[in-house]
Amino acid sequence: PLDSSCVMSRLGGCETQRQQRAAEVETLIFLDVDGVLNVCARDQTGSKQLLLNSSSLQTCRKQWAHRHRNPNNPVIETIMALDRRRLNHGEDDTYSKFACTAPSQLSEVLVSRLAKIIEAAEAESRPGEDSECNDPFVERHMKKVAVVLSSTWRKPEHAGRVKRLEEMITKYLNYPFRFEARTRLADEVVASERLTAISDFVHDFCVDRLRLGCRNPLKVLVLEDFFIMPIDFVCNGVSVGNATKAGIFIEKRAAQARSGRVKAKVVHTYDQFETPEGLVVEVGEGLTQKRLCQALSFFGQHCSHCGRHGNSQWSHGKDVPCPEPAPPQSVQPCPLQQSQVLALKQPDMPALLQQFWRLCFHFLSFLPWSVTSRLPEKIMHLKLL
């Protein structure tokens, strides 16, 4: 059923339930796993991904202490770069905080943050207080949120991993969770192919909703690292240069179905940095506090760090929140301040008068004595002074 061209058939249940579910859904969350629920770095050859797990981290730490014996080991250097890389946005730790354990290959911290995002999405469409629903799974359906697996984990050979992931999410949500759909099965190797698969799913889903007469607004959240690649590619002839443009690409693809307004947001869990030794590291960093805040803001919420600081705005190209500048306030001066300002603007009248008399007496000095002797005695006295 996962390989069907009809998106509606990818939802569980019988045909009637699938049709009803497709009409109810108002939020789609597309989930990649590697680089979102764990931390993966691209090796220096670019041919494979290095998973940050507790065992490899412990081994690399031991070998790092004797690195003078083998100074050029890019794998150890990359893992240790992640171990030393400080996080931001109120998260005083390194990527080692998200090291996963075998056999799940998932980070408990990052899975718990995914649960927070799902809860935030569900909070927008929570059933009313008068609802008599007691079934947790049915109640979740009433919340109109569907989580779609877009990772390579959607392939049949990873069914065991997906089951363990669903169990972990269930633990944090406190109700039975399962992925309601998958994107189409395809061999995706570059970021543009992944974005195409997601946008095609949204388009087909909107077509199914239109067929059922549903034109309600649809929100789409994408959690992706795009194969540990920066968003700078061409997708179906359209240049996509950042996460915002990737969201716009999905919206325009969905608009072709003409089934209602679609609002999309892409949270790109990718980072690139350079170590003091000059090593360039590309990493699928997972749902860090910064990425979590970006996802929560899509549903009108914010992370604990922004809650403490009272701001969740983001600066472009920076790692810390950028507060909005406060509008300039016009302060009315008190009477004393205003009198001081006027005094500064007005000239010193005695000094000006003295300068005027000096000019007058300078002019009188050029007159002959026969003229000046006839002037009043007081004027001549001021002249002498």
Foldseek 3Di string as FASTA:
>chain_A
DQQDLFQLVLFDDDNVVSLVLLLLAFEEEEDAAALAQFKWWQFPVNPDIDTQADVVLVVLVVVVVVCVVPVDDRVSVQNVCQQPDAADLPGGHGLNQQHHYPDLSGGLVQLLLVLVLLVLQLVVQQDDPPDPDDAVVVNSSSSNYAYEYLYPCVDPVNPVSQVVSQVSSCVNNVHRDHHRHYFHDDDDDFLLVSLVSVLSSLQSSLLSNVVVVRQDEHEYEYEEQGSLDAQADAHPNRTTHHQVSSQVVSQVSNVVSVRYGYGYGYQHQWDWDADPVGDIMIMSSHCDQLSSQVSSVVSVDGDPSCVVVVDSDPDPPDNYHDDDDDDDDDDDDDPVVVVVVVVVVDDDVVVVVVVVLVVVLVVVVPDDPVVVVPDDPVNVVVSVD
